[in-house]
Structure formats: C-alpha cells, structure tokens
Amino acid sequence: MAAKVGKYSRDGVTYYEIRGPLPDGTRYEDRVGFSERELAFRCHVAARIKLLRSEYEIACRKVRAECAANIAAPGWLKQLIF
C-alpha cells in the first residue's frame, strides 16, 4: 500500500502528515508537528518521519493479518490470499 507524506505549516508549527489506505478499505491518518526550533534538528525530524512510515506499515500488516484470519476457507486457500 502506498502512503503519501504531506507537509504544511499552521500557526508557526510545521506538520508532517501521512495518509494512506489500509487493506480493509479504511483510511490511515497520522501527523506530527514541529516548531521552528525543533526543525533545526533535522536528524530527529527525519527519524520521526521514518517512524510515521513504519507505524503505517505495521498497521497495514496488522489489518492484513486480521483480514486473512477472518476468511472462512480451507487452509490451502488462505495461503494464496495476501
């Protein structure tokens, strides 16, 4: 699943927002805000954005596993569904 990371500023705070679809059709949204002083520490900002992406991937895996567990089908068929 592809997620988009957006950036916008409001009231002196820069927000990074991640949005994307989950395998069950619902939407995933999360955001983090940084003040101008916090943006000076680029390595921490980059690490937090990477964490946002990894949290999205974890949510996708969790939903995918729940969807696969809810399917009433033979075991060999469950292995074919990703």
PDB file of N, CA and C in Angstrom:
ATOM      1  N   MET A   1       0.842  -1.163   0.000  1.00  0.00           N
ATOM      2  CA  MET A   1       0.000   0.000   0.000  1.00  0.00           C
ATOM      3  C   MET A   1       0.897   1.239   0.000  1.00  0.00           C
ATOM      4  N   ALA A   2       0.521   2.199  -0.765  1.00  0.00           N
ATOM      5  CA  ALA A   2       1.303   3.424  -0.863  1.00  0.00           C
ATOM      6  C   ALA A   2       0.689   4.502   0.021  1.00  0.00           C
ATOM      7  N   ALA A   3       1.532   5.158   0.775  1.00  0.00           N
ATOM      8  CA  ALA A   3       1.087   6.258   1.629  1.00  0.00           C
ATOM      9  C   ALA A   3       1.755   7.537   1.158  1.00  0.00           C
ATOM     10  N   LYS A   4       1.063   8.648   1.353  1.00  0.00           N
ATOM     11  CA  LYS A   4       1.616   9.940   0.978  1.00  0.00           C
ATOM     12  C   LYS A   4       1.942  10.722   2.238  1.00  0.00           C
ATOM     13  N   VAL A   5       3.121  11.326   2.239  1.00  0.00           N
ATOM     14  CA  VAL A   5       3.524  12.179   3.346  1.00  0.00           C
ATOM     15  C   VAL A   5       3.390  13.615   2.879  1.00  0.00           C
ATOM     16  N   GLY A   6       2.592  14.375   3.598  1.00  0.00           N
ATOM     17  CA  GLY A   6       2.380  15.781   3.259  1.00  0.00           C
ATOM     18  C   GLY A   6       2.984  16.681   4.318  1.00  0.00           C
ATOM     19  N   LYS A   7       3.246  17.910   3.925  1.00  0.00           N
ATOM     20  CA  LYS A   7       3.844  18.882   4.832  1.00  0.00           C
ATOM     21  C   LYS A   7       3.058  20.177   4.716  1.00  0.00           C
ATOM     22  N   TYR A   8       2.702  20.754   5.847  1.00  0.00           N
ATOM     23  CA  TYR A   8       2.040  22.054   5.833  1.00  0.00           C
ATOM     24  C   TYR A   8       2.366  22.789   7.129  1.00  0.00           C
ATOM     25  N   SER A   9       2.227  24.109   7.086  1.00  0.00           N
ATOM     26  CA  SER A   9       2.512  24.953   8.245  1.00  0.00           C
ATOM     27  C   SER A   9       1.245  25.663   8.685  1.00  0.00           C
ATOM     28  N   ARG A  10       1.097  25.763   9.996  1.00  0.00           N
ATOM     29  CA  ARG A  10      -0.040  26.481  10.557  1.00  0.00           C
ATOM     30  C   ARG A  10       0.367  27.035  11.921  1.00  0.00           C
ATOM     31  N   ASP A  11       0.194  28.323  12.112  1.00  0.00           N
ATOM     32  CA  ASP A  11       0.492  28.998  13.383  1.00  0.00           C
ATOM     33  C   ASP A  11       1.929  28.772  13.845  1.00  0.00           C
ATOM     34  N   GLY A  12       2.876  28.805  12.935  1.00  0.00           N
ATOM     35  CA  GLY A  12       4.285  28.659  13.286  1.00  0.00           C
ATOM     36  C   GLY A  12       4.731  27.232  13.540  1.00  0.00           C
ATOM     37  N   VAL A  13       3.863  26.287  13.310  1.00  0.00           N
ATOM     38  CA  VAL A  13       4.203  24.875  13.508  1.00  0.00           C
ATOM     39  C   VAL A  13       4.152  24.179  12.156  1.00  0.00           C
ATOM     40  N   THR A  14       5.188  23.410  11.856  1.00  0.00           N
ATOM     41  CA  THR A  14       5.231  22.642  10.618  1.00  0.00           C
ATOM     42  C   THR A  14       4.770  21.220  10.922  1.00  0.00           C
ATOM     43  N   TYR A  15       3.758  20.779  10.194  1.00  0.00           N
ATOM     44  CA  TYR A  15       3.190  19.453  10.389  1.00  0.00           C
ATOM     45  C   TYR A  15       3.578  18.547   9.232  1.00  0.00           C
ATOM     46  N   TYR A  16       3.908  17.311   9.566  1.00  0.00           N
ATOM     47  CA  TYR A  16       4.092  16.256   8.577  1.00  0.00           C
ATOM     48  C   TYR A  16       2.962  15.264   8.808  1.00  0.00           C
ATOM     49  N   GLU A  17       2.257  14.944   7.741  1.00  0.00           N
ATOM     50  CA  GLU A  17       1.082  14.086   7.845  1.00  0.00           C
ATOM     51  C   GLU A  17       1.222  12.925   6.875  1.00  0.00           C
ATOM     52  N   ILE A  18       0.882  11.737   7.333  1.00  0.00           N
ATOM     53  CA  ILE A  18       0.902  10.559   6.471  1.00  0.00           C
ATOM     54  C   ILE A  18      -0.535  10.076   6.320  1.00  0.00           C
ATOM     55  N   ARG A  19      -0.912   9.811   5.075  1.00  0.00           N
ATOM     56  CA  ARG A  19      -2.252   9.318   4.749  1.00  0.00           C
ATOM     57  C   ARG A  19      -2.121   8.167   3.770  1.00  0.00           C
ATOM     58  N   GLY A  20      -2.944   7.168   3.983  1.00  0.00           N
ATOM     59  CA  GLY A  20      -2.932   6.051   3.050  1.00  0.00           C
ATOM     60  C   GLY A  20      -4.052   5.084   3.340  1.00  0.00           C
ATOM     61  N   PRO A  21      -4.370   4.244   2.368  1.00  0.00           N
ATOM     62  CA  PRO A  21      -5.425   3.246   2.574  1.00  0.00           C
ATOM     63  C   PRO A  21      -4.879   2.009   3.281  1.00  0.00           C
ATOM     64  N   LEU A  22      -5.731   1.383   4.064  1.00  0.00           N
ATOM     65  CA  LEU A  22      -5.394   0.107   4.677  1.00  0.00           C
ATOM     66  C   LEU A  22      -6.026  -1.006   3.845  1.00  0.00           C
ATOM     67  N   PRO A  23      -5.534  -2.229   3.961  1.00  0.00           N
ATOM     68  CA  PRO A  23      -6.052  -3.326   3.136  1.00  0.00           C
ATOM     69  C   PRO A  23      -7.551  -3.595   3.289  1.00  0.00           C
ATOM     70  N   ASP A  24      -8.144  -3.212   4.409  1.00  0.00           N
ATOM     71  CA  ASP A  24      -9.581  -3.451   4.586  1.00  0.00           C
ATOM     72  C   ASP A  24     -10.441  -2.319   4.041  1.00  0.00           C
ATOM     73  N   GLY A  25      -9.827  -1.324   3.418  1.00  0.00           N
ATOM     74  CA  GLY A  25     -10.570  -0.234   2.798  1.00  0.00           C
ATOM     75  C   GLY A  25     -10.677   1.021   3.644  1.00  0.00           C
ATOM     76  N   THR A  26     -10.278   0.973   4.900  1.00  0.00           N
ATOM     77  CA  THR A  26     -10.317   2.163   5.742  1.00  0.00           C
ATOM     78  C   THR A  26      -9.109   3.042   5.464  1.00  0.00           C
ATOM     79  N   ARG A  27      -9.163   4.275   5.947  1.00  0.00           N
ATOM     80  CA  ARG A  27      -8.065   5.220   5.736  1.00  0.00           C
ATOM     81  C   ARG A  27      -7.207   5.307   6.995  1.00  0.00           C
ATOM     82  N   TYR A  28      -5.908   5.450   6.799  1.00  0.00           N
ATOM     83  CA  TYR A  28      -4.968   5.638   7.897  1.00  0.00           C
ATOM     84  C   TYR A  28      -4.463   7.065   7.834  1.00  0.00           C
ATOM     85  N   GLU A  29      -4.513   7.779   8.951  1.00  0.00           N
ATOM     86  CA  GLU A  29      -4.006   9.142   9.013  1.00  0.00           C
ATOM     87  C   GLU A  29      -3.264   9.324  10.326  1.00  0.00           C
ATOM     88  N   ASP A  30      -2.122   9.975  10.250  1.00  0.00           N
ATOM     89  CA  ASP A  30      -1.340  10.304  11.433  1.00  0.00           C
ATOM     90  C   ASP A  30      -0.519  11.536  11.111  1.00  0.00           C
ATOM     91  N   ARG A  31      -0.216  12.343  12.116  1.00  0.00           N
ATOM     92  CA  ARG A  31       0.598  13.531  11.863  1.00  0.00           C
ATOM     93  C   ARG A  31       1.419  13.866  13.092  1.00  0.00           C
ATOM     94  N   VAL A  32       2.474  14.602  12.841  1.00  0.00           N
ATOM     95  CA  VAL A  32       3.352  15.072  13.896  1.00  0.00           C
ATOM     96  C   VAL A  32       3.733  16.514  13.566  1.00  0.00           C
ATOM     97  N   GLY A  33       3.836  17.349  14.594  1.00  0.00           N
ATOM     98  CA  GLY A  33       4.164  18.753  14.387  1.00  0.00           C
ATOM     99  C   GLY A  33       5.489  19.118  15.033  1.00  0.00           C
ATOM    100  N   PHE A  34       6.196  20.043  14.392  1.00  0.00           N
ATOM    101  CA  PHE A  34       7.480  20.514  14.892  1.00  0.00           C
ATOM    102  C   PHE A  34       7.485  22.032  14.892  1.00  0.00           C
ATOM    103  N   SER A  35       8.034  22.622  15.956  1.00  0.00           N
ATOM    104  CA  SER A  35       8.209  24.068  15.982  1.00  0.00           C
ATOM    105  C   SER A  35       9.442  24.422  15.152  1.00  0.00           C
ATOM    106  N   GLU A  36       9.656  25.716  14.952  1.00  0.00           N
ATOM    107  CA  GLU A  36      10.816  26.138  14.155  1.00  0.00           C
ATOM    108  C   GLU A  36      12.119  25.733  14.821  1.00  0.00           C
ATOM    109  N   ARG A  37      12.179  25.774  16.136  1.00  0.00           N
ATOM    110  CA  ARG A  37      13.408  25.378  16.840  1.00  0.00           C
ATOM    111  C   ARG A  37      13.650  23.877  16.713  1.00  0.00           C
ATOM    112  N   GLU A  38      12.587  23.100  16.746  1.00  0.00           N
ATOM    113  CA  GLU A  38      12.739  21.646  16.603  1.00  0.00           C
ATOM    114  C   GLU A  38      13.185  21.262  15.202  1.00  0.00           C
ATOM    115  N   LEU A  39      12.790  22.053  14.201  1.00  0.00           N
ATOM    116  CA  LEU A  39      13.188  21.750  12.823  1.00  0.00           C
ATOM    117  C   LEU A  39      14.689  21.904  12.609  1.00  0.00           C
ATOM    118  N   ALA A  40      15.367  22.607  13.514  1.00  0.00           N
ATOM    119  CA  ALA A  40      16.819  22.755  13.402  1.00  0.00           C
ATOM    120  C   ALA A  40      17.526  21.408  13.572  1.00  0.00           C
ATOM    121  N   PHE A  41      16.899  20.486  14.263  1.00  0.00           N
ATOM    122  CA  PHE A  41      17.476  19.158  14.474  1.00  0.00           C
ATOM    123  C   PHE A  41      16.922  18.212  13.416  1.00  0.00           C
ATOM    124  N   ARG A  42      17.463  18.323  12.218  1.00  0.00           N
ATOM    125  CA  ARG A  42      16.941  17.586  11.063  1.00  0.00           C
ATOM    126  C   ARG A  42      16.990  16.072  11.242  1.00  0.00           C
ATOM    127  N   CYS A  43      17.999  15.580  11.927  1.00  0.00           N
ATOM    128  CA  CYS A  43      18.102  14.126  12.092  1.00  0.00           C
ATOM    129  C   CYS A  43      16.937  13.593  12.925  1.00  0.00           C
ATOM    130  N   HIS A  44      16.491  14.358  13.919  1.00  0.00           N
ATOM    131  CA  HIS A  44      15.359  13.920  14.734  1.00  0.00           C
ATOM    132  C   HIS A  44      14.047  14.008  13.957  1.00  0.00           C
ATOM    133  N   VAL A  45      13.924  15.039  13.124  1.00  0.00           N
ATOM    134  CA  VAL A  45      12.732  15.180  12.287  1.00  0.00           C
ATOM    135  C   VAL A  45      12.660  14.013  11.301  1.00  0.00           C
ATOM    136  N   ALA A  46      13.782  13.703  10.671  1.00  0.00           N
ATOM    137  CA  ALA A  46      13.818  12.591   9.707  1.00  0.00           C
ATOM    138  C   ALA A  46      13.510  11.262  10.399  1.00  0.00           C
ATOM    139  N   ALA A  47      14.026  11.083  11.607  1.00  0.00           N
ATOM    140  CA  ALA A  47      13.758   9.845  12.337  1.00  0.00           C
ATOM    141  C   ALA A  47      12.278   9.719  12.676  1.00  0.00           C
ATOM    142  N   ARG A  48      11.645  10.823  13.029  1.00  0.00           N
ATOM    143  CA  ARG A  48      10.212  10.779  13.362  1.00  0.00           C
ATOM    144  C   ARG A  48       9.364  10.490  12.124  1.00  0.00           C
ATOM    145  N   ILE A  49       9.768  11.023  10.975  1.00  0.00           N
ATOM    146  CA  ILE A  49       9.039  10.739   9.734  1.00  0.00           C
ATOM    147  C   ILE A  49       9.196   9.263   9.360  1.00  0.00           C
ATOM    148  N   LYS A  50      10.398   8.709   9.551  1.00  0.00           N
ATOM    149  CA  LYS A  50      10.593   7.273   9.309  1.00  0.00           C
ATOM    150  C   LYS A  50       9.723   6.444  10.249  1.00  0.00           C
ATOM    151  N   LEU A  51       9.585   6.911  11.491  1.00  0.00           N
ATOM    152  CA  LEU A  51       8.735   6.211  12.448  1.00  0.00           C
ATOM    153  C   LEU A  51       7.273   6.263  12.016  1.00  0.00           C
ATOM    154  N   LEU A  52       6.825   7.401  11.469  1.00  0.00           N
ATOM    155  CA  LEU A  52       5.461   7.500  10.942  1.00  0.00           C
ATOM    156  C   LEU A  52       5.228   6.460   9.854  1.00  0.00           C
ATOM    157  N   ARG A  53       6.199   6.339   8.941  1.00  0.00           N
ATOM    158  CA  ARG A  53       6.073   5.360   7.856  1.00  0.00           C
ATOM    159  C   ARG A  53       6.047   3.927   8.390  1.00  0.00           C
ATOM    160  N   SER A  54       6.904   3.635   9.366  1.00  0.00           N
ATOM    161  CA  SER A  54       6.935   2.270   9.899  1.00  0.00           C
ATOM    162  C   SER A  54       5.653   1.953  10.666  1.00  0.00           C
ATOM    163  N   GLU A  55       5.073   2.945  11.358  1.00  0.00           N
ATOM    164  CA  GLU A  55       3.797   2.721  12.042  1.00  0.00           C
ATOM    165  C   GLU A  55       2.694   2.420  11.029  1.00  0.00           C
ATOM    166  N   TYR A  56       2.734   3.082   9.878  1.00  0.00           N
ATOM    167  CA  TYR A  56       1.759   2.805   8.822  1.00  0.00           C
ATOM    168  C   TYR A  56       1.931   1.379   8.298  1.00  0.00           C
ATOM    169  N   GLU A  57       3.176   0.954   8.078  1.00  0.00           N
ATOM    170  CA  GLU A  57       3.429  -0.405   7.598  1.00  0.00           C
ATOM    171  C   GLU A  57       2.971  -1.448   8.616  1.00  0.00           C
ATOM    172  N   ILE A  58       3.178  -1.168   9.899  1.00  0.00           N
ATOM    173  CA  ILE A  58       2.739  -2.083  10.951  1.00  0.00           C
ATOM    174  C   ILE A  58       1.214  -2.183  10.963  1.00  0.00           C
ATOM    175  N   ALA A  59       0.543  -1.045  10.809  1.00  0.00           N
ATOM    176  CA  ALA A  59      -0.924  -1.047  10.767  1.00  0.00           C
ATOM    177  C   ALA A  59      -1.427  -1.839   9.563  1.00  0.00           C
ATOM    178  N   CYS A  60      -0.752  -1.702   8.416  1.00  0.00           N
ATOM    179  CA  CYS A  60      -1.138  -2.468   7.222  1.00  0.00           C
ATOM    180  C   CYS A  60      -0.978  -3.961   7.458  1.00  0.00           C
ATOM    181  N   ARG A  61       0.139  -4.365   8.049  1.00  0.00           N
ATOM    182  CA  ARG A  61       0.366  -5.784   8.324  1.00  0.00           C
ATOM    183  C   ARG A  61      -0.676  -6.339   9.294  1.00  0.00           C
ATOM    184  N   LYS A  62      -1.006  -5.550  10.314  1.00  0.00           N
ATOM    185  CA  LYS A  62      -1.988  -5.992  11.304  1.00  0.00           C
ATOM    186  C   LYS A  62      -3.362  -6.186  10.666  1.00  0.00           C
ATOM    187  N   VAL A  63      -3.793  -5.217   9.855  1.00  0.00           N
ATOM    188  CA  VAL A  63      -5.102  -5.321   9.201  1.00  0.00           C
ATOM    189  C   VAL A  63      -5.106  -6.466   8.202  1.00  0.00           C
ATOM    190  N   ARG A  64      -4.001  -6.643   7.472  1.00  0.00           N
ATOM    191  CA  ARG A  64      -3.903  -7.734   6.503  1.00  0.00           C
ATOM    192  C   ARG A  64      -4.009  -9.085   7.210  1.00  0.00           C
ATOM    193  N   ALA A  65      -3.372  -9.213   8.377  1.00  0.00           N
ATOM    194  CA  ALA A  65      -3.438 -10.464   9.129  1.00  0.00           C
ATOM    195  C   ALA A  65      -4.851 -10.714   9.651  1.00  0.00           C
ATOM    196  N   GLU A  66      -5.526  -9.653  10.097  1.00  0.00           N
ATOM    197  CA  GLU A  66      -6.904  -9.809  10.575  1.00  0.00           C
ATOM    198  C   GLU A  66      -7.833 -10.211   9.439  1.00  0.00           C
ATOM    199  N   CYS A  67      -7.640  -9.617   8.275  1.00  0.00           N
ATOM    200  CA  CYS A  67      -8.473  -9.968   7.119  1.00  0.00           C
ATOM    201  C   CYS A  67      -8.260 -11.424   6.722  1.00  0.00           C
ATOM    202  N   ALA A  68      -7.021 -11.871   6.740  1.00  0.00           N
ATOM    203  CA  ALA A  68      -6.721 -13.254   6.368  1.00  0.00           C
ATOM    204  C   ALA A  68      -7.292 -14.229   7.389  1.00  0.00           C
ATOM    205  N   ALA A  69      -7.315 -13.837   8.666  1.00  0.00           N
ATOM    206  CA  ALA A  69      -7.837 -14.721   9.702  1.00  0.00           C
ATOM    207  C   ALA A  69      -9.357 -14.819   9.650  1.00  0.00           C
ATOM    208  N   ASN A  70     -10.015 -13.800   9.133  1.00  0.00           N
ATOM    209  CA  ASN A  70     -11.478 -13.781   9.104  1.00  0.00           C
ATOM    210  C   ASN A  70     -12.077 -14.519   7.914  1.00  0.00           C
ATOM    211  N   ILE A  71     -11.269 -14.938   6.980  1.00  0.00           N
ATOM    212  CA  ILE A  71     -11.776 -15.617   5.791  1.00  0.00           C
ATOM    213  C   ILE A  71     -12.115 -17.063   6.139  1.00  0.00           C
ATOM    214  N   ALA A  72     -13.340 -17.456   5.850  1.00  0.00           N
ATOM    215  CA  ALA A  72     -13.763 -18.837   6.095  1.00  0.00           C
ATOM    216  C   ALA A  72     -13.476 -19.645   4.840  1.00  0.00           C
ATOM    217  N   ALA A  73     -12.320 -20.264   4.798  1.00  0.00           N
ATOM    218  CA  ALA A  73     -11.906 -21.033   3.629  1.00  0.00           C
ATOM    219  C   ALA A  73     -10.929 -22.115   4.082  1.00  0.00           C
ATOM    220  N   PRO A  74     -10.681 -23.082   3.228  1.00  0.00           N
ATOM    221  CA  PRO A  74      -9.688 -24.111   3.558  1.00  0.00           C
ATOM    222  C   PRO A  74      -8.300 -23.500   3.756  1.00  0.00           C
ATOM    223  N   GLY A  75      -7.471 -24.194   4.498  1.00  0.00           N
ATOM    224  CA  GLY A  75      -6.141 -23.689   4.800  1.00  0.00           C
ATOM    225  C   GLY A  75      -5.300 -23.402   3.575  1.00  0.00           C
ATOM    226  N   TRP A  76      -5.395 -24.263   2.553  1.00  0.00           N
ATOM    227  CA  TRP A  76      -4.584 -24.042   1.356  1.00  0.00           C
ATOM    228  C   TRP A  76      -5.014 -22.782   0.630  1.00  0.00           C
ATOM    229  N   LEU A  77      -6.293 -22.399   0.736  1.00  0.00           N
ATOM    230  CA  LEU A  77      -6.767 -21.196   0.066  1.00  0.00           C
ATOM    231  C   LEU A  77      -6.302 -19.943   0.797  1.00  0.00           C
ATOM    232  N   LYS A  78      -6.233 -20.021   2.132  1.00  0.00           N
ATOM    233  CA  LYS A  78      -5.764 -18.870   2.908  1.00  0.00           C
ATOM    234  C   LYS A  78      -4.322 -18.525   2.559  1.00  0.00           C
ATOM    235  N   GLN A  79      -3.536 -19.520   2.190  1.00  0.00           N
ATOM    236  CA  GLN A  79      -2.145 -19.266   1.847  1.00  0.00           C
ATOM    237  C   GLN A  79      -2.016 -18.523   0.531  1.00  0.00           C
ATOM    238  N   LEU A  80      -3.016 -18.602  -0.319  1.00  0.00           N
ATOM    239  CA  LEU A  80      -2.957 -17.927  -1.608  1.00  0.00           C
ATOM    240  C   LEU A  80      -3.353 -16.461  -1.522  1.00  0.00           C
ATOM    241  N   ILE A  81      -4.034 -16.065  -0.454  1.00  0.00           N
ATOM    242  CA  ILE A  81      -4.504 -14.689  -0.311  1.00  0.00           C
ATOM    243  C   ILE A  81      -3.475 -13.889   0.460  1.00  0.00           C
ATOM    244  N   PHE A  82      -3.087 -12.768  -0.082  1.00  0.00           N
ATOM    245  CA  PHE A  82      -2.078 -11.927   0.565  1.00  0.00           C
ATOM    246  C   PHE A  82      -2.720 -10.757   1.240  1.00  0.00           C
TER     247      PHE A  82
END
